[in-house]
Each structure stands twice: as C-alpha cells, then as structure tokens.
C-alpha cells in the first residue's frame, strides 16, 4: 500500500475518471473471456494502450523487462498465484497490480514500495505515514 494515500484502509476511495488522463500502458493477465473483453473495452479508450493479454502472471515475467508499463491488470481466479505475484512485485516494485474480479464490483490494487531508510527516525516517519487501520 503506498504511503500518502489517506483512507485506503479506513474507507473505500472514490475514484473519478478524467478524459484528459495521460495515456497509460496496460498489460492484462488472465486466461478468461473477461480478460479478452476487458482488453477490447480498454482499447477503445484513447487514454489506454493495451500492450497485450497473457494467460497468467508467470507469463508477465517474459514481457515486463521489455515493455515499460503503468499497470498490470490480473483477471484470474479468486486465488492469485502468490509466487508469481511476489516475483513481479520484487522485480518491478513501482508497478501497480490491479486484481479485477468479475464476481465482485471491486478492484484490489497491490503495490510494492521501497523506501530508503537510513536511520531509526526515518523508519519511524515511514511508520507514522501509514494510514490508520480500523
């Protein structure tokens, strides 16, 4: 969870779309009809460039080093491949992974954030910046 996004744990943020959004490069992973339909839907928006659709998170490892992306959307099973997700987050810590579930009207955003901490005061500042949990 990124530091500096107040309310991400305490409440659901309200996201607003702007047609003036800069173009975002997206890769979709998921061996489902939903992944294909999502790719077609997003491709109609001039603010989204769909790089491709792969069948699983393990296949992303082959593409990610060669394609600069703004986000990865996973549309797979309810249980995500934890090992592949961990490898992606470790290799590409600034890449957000959005987990979209067709059976629910939510998207889980997973990010890995590396903070340089050189002292206990900086560690305490990072802890203090975390959102409160209920």
Protein backbone atom coordinates (compact mmCIF):
# COMPACT_ATOMS: atom_id res chain seq x y z
CA UNK A 1 0.00 0.00 0.00
CA UNK A 2 1.50 3.33 -0.97
CA UNK A 3 2.35 5.76 1.78
CA UNK A 4 0.49 9.01 1.37
CA UNK A 5 -2.88 7.67 0.21
CA UNK A 6 -5.01 8.53 3.25
CA UNK A 7 -8.10 6.46 3.74
CA UNK A 8 -7.07 3.42 1.71
CA UNK A 9 -7.56 1.16 4.71
CA UNK A 10 -10.14 3.17 6.64
CA UNK A 11 -12.50 3.76 3.74
CA UNK A 12 -13.00 3.00 0.09
CA UNK A 13 -11.64 5.84 -2.03
CA UNK A 14 -13.90 7.39 -4.63
CA UNK A 15 -12.08 7.39 -7.96
CA UNK A 16 -13.04 9.77 -10.73
CA UNK A 17 -12.13 9.32 -14.39
CA UNK A 18 -10.98 12.27 -16.43
CA UNK A 19 -10.99 12.13 -20.22
CA UNK A 20 -7.83 14.27 -20.14
CA UNK A 21 -5.85 11.47 -18.45
CA UNK A 22 -2.45 10.88 -20.00
CA UNK A 23 -2.06 7.62 -21.90
CA UNK A 24 -1.46 4.59 -19.66
CA UNK A 25 0.24 1.42 -20.87
CA UNK A 26 -1.52 -1.67 -19.52
CA UNK A 27 -0.83 -5.42 -19.66
CA UNK A 28 -3.71 -7.77 -18.85
CA UNK A 29 -3.08 -11.22 -17.37
CA UNK A 30 -5.83 -13.80 -17.12
CA UNK A 31 -6.93 -16.85 -19.03
CA UNK A 32 -10.55 -15.82 -19.15
CA UNK A 33 -13.10 -14.37 -21.51
CA UNK A 34 -13.28 -11.48 -19.05
CA UNK A 35 -9.60 -10.64 -19.77
CA UNK A 36 -10.25 -10.54 -23.51
CA UNK A 37 -13.41 -8.45 -23.12
CA UNK A 38 -11.62 -6.06 -20.76
CA UNK A 39 -8.79 -5.66 -23.26
CA UNK A 40 -11.29 -4.82 -26.02
CA UNK A 41 -13.13 -2.36 -23.78
CA UNK A 42 -9.97 -0.58 -22.63
CA UNK A 43 -8.56 -0.47 -26.17
CA UNK A 44 -11.46 1.76 -27.23
CA UNK A 45 -10.30 4.44 -24.80
CA UNK A 46 -7.62 6.74 -26.24
CA UNK A 47 -6.11 7.14 -22.75
CA UNK A 48 -5.28 3.43 -22.51
CA UNK A 49 -2.79 1.46 -24.57
CA UNK A 50 -3.28 -2.27 -24.04
CA UNK A 51 0.13 -3.86 -24.60
CA UNK A 52 -1.34 -7.36 -24.68
CA UNK A 53 -3.17 -10.14 -22.92
CA UNK A 54 -1.31 -13.12 -21.41
CA UNK A 55 -2.83 -16.17 -19.79
CA UNK A 56 -1.19 -15.83 -16.36
CA UNK A 57 1.11 -13.89 -14.08
CA UNK A 58 4.00 -16.24 -14.83
CA UNK A 59 3.96 -15.12 -18.48
CA UNK A 60 4.26 -11.47 -17.41
CA UNK A 61 7.86 -12.08 -16.35
CA UNK A 62 8.81 -12.50 -20.04
CA UNK A 63 7.18 -9.23 -21.13
CA UNK A 64 7.76 -6.83 -18.24
CA UNK A 65 11.53 -6.32 -18.71
CA UNK A 66 10.95 -5.22 -22.32
CA UNK A 67 7.77 -3.14 -22.02
CA UNK A 68 7.53 -0.11 -19.73
CA UNK A 69 4.05 -0.32 -18.19
CA UNK A 70 1.89 1.85 -15.98
CA UNK A 71 -0.12 -1.07 -14.58
CA UNK A 72 -0.77 -4.78 -14.77
CA UNK A 73 -4.37 -5.96 -14.55
CA UNK A 74 -4.94 -9.52 -13.30
CA UNK A 75 -8.35 -11.02 -14.09
CA UNK A 76 -7.75 -14.58 -13.00
CA UNK A 77 -9.08 -16.87 -10.35
CA UNK A 78 -10.18 -15.66 -6.94
CA UNK A 79 -6.94 -17.08 -5.53
CA UNK A 80 -3.98 -15.32 -7.09
CA UNK A 81 -0.69 -17.08 -7.88
CA UNK A 82 1.19 -15.73 -4.85
CA UNK A 83 4.63 -16.87 -6.03
CA UNK A 84 4.36 -15.17 -9.42
CA UNK A 85 2.86 -12.04 -7.84
CA UNK A 86 5.73 -11.87 -5.33
CA UNK A 87 8.30 -12.19 -8.13
CA UNK A 88 6.64 -9.40 -10.12
CA UNK A 89 6.44 -7.08 -7.10
CA UNK A 90 10.08 -7.79 -6.21
CA UNK A 91 11.33 -7.27 -9.77
CA UNK A 92 9.10 -4.28 -10.58
CA UNK A 93 8.33 -2.57 -7.25
CA UNK A 94 6.79 0.55 -8.77
CA UNK A 95 4.33 -1.37 -10.99
CA UNK A 96 0.78 -1.41 -9.60
CA UNK A 97 -1.10 -4.69 -9.98
CA UNK A 98 -4.88 -4.35 -10.19
CA UNK A 99 -6.79 -7.54 -9.39
CA UNK A 100 -10.21 -7.38 -11.02
CA UNK A 101 -12.85 -9.91 -10.01
CA UNK A 102 -15.83 -10.36 -12.33
CA UNK A 103 -18.00 -11.73 -9.49
CA UNK A 104 -17.41 -8.66 -7.30
CA UNK A 105 -17.55 -4.99 -8.10
CA UNK A 106 -14.16 -4.24 -6.59
CA UNK A 107 -10.60 -3.95 -7.80
CA UNK A 108 -7.77 -4.69 -5.42
CA UNK A 109 -4.69 -2.52 -6.04
CA UNK A 110 -1.41 -4.11 -4.96
CA UNK A 111 1.81 -2.12 -4.95
CA UNK A 112 5.25 -2.62 -3.53
CA UNK A 113 7.03 0.47 -2.36
CA UNK A 114 10.69 0.69 -1.47
CA UNK A 115 11.65 3.45 0.94
CA UNK A 116 15.23 4.37 1.68
CA UNK A 117 15.58 4.34 5.45
CA UNK A 118 18.96 5.33 6.84
CA UNK A 119 18.02 5.94 10.45
CA UNK A 120 15.52 4.95 13.09
CA UNK A 121 13.90 8.40 12.73
CA UNK A 122 13.26 7.78 9.03
CA UNK A 123 11.78 4.37 9.88
CA UNK A 124 9.52 5.99 12.48
CA UNK A 125 8.47 8.63 9.92
CA UNK A 126 7.55 5.87 7.43
CA UNK A 127 5.51 4.09 10.11
CA UNK A 128 3.78 7.34 11.09
CA UNK A 129 2.82 8.00 7.45
CA UNK A 130 0.93 4.70 7.16
CA UNK A 131 -2.86 5.01 7.09
CA UNK A 132 -4.70 4.07 10.28
CA UNK A 133 -6.37 0.69 10.38
CA UNK A 134 -9.77 0.25 11.95
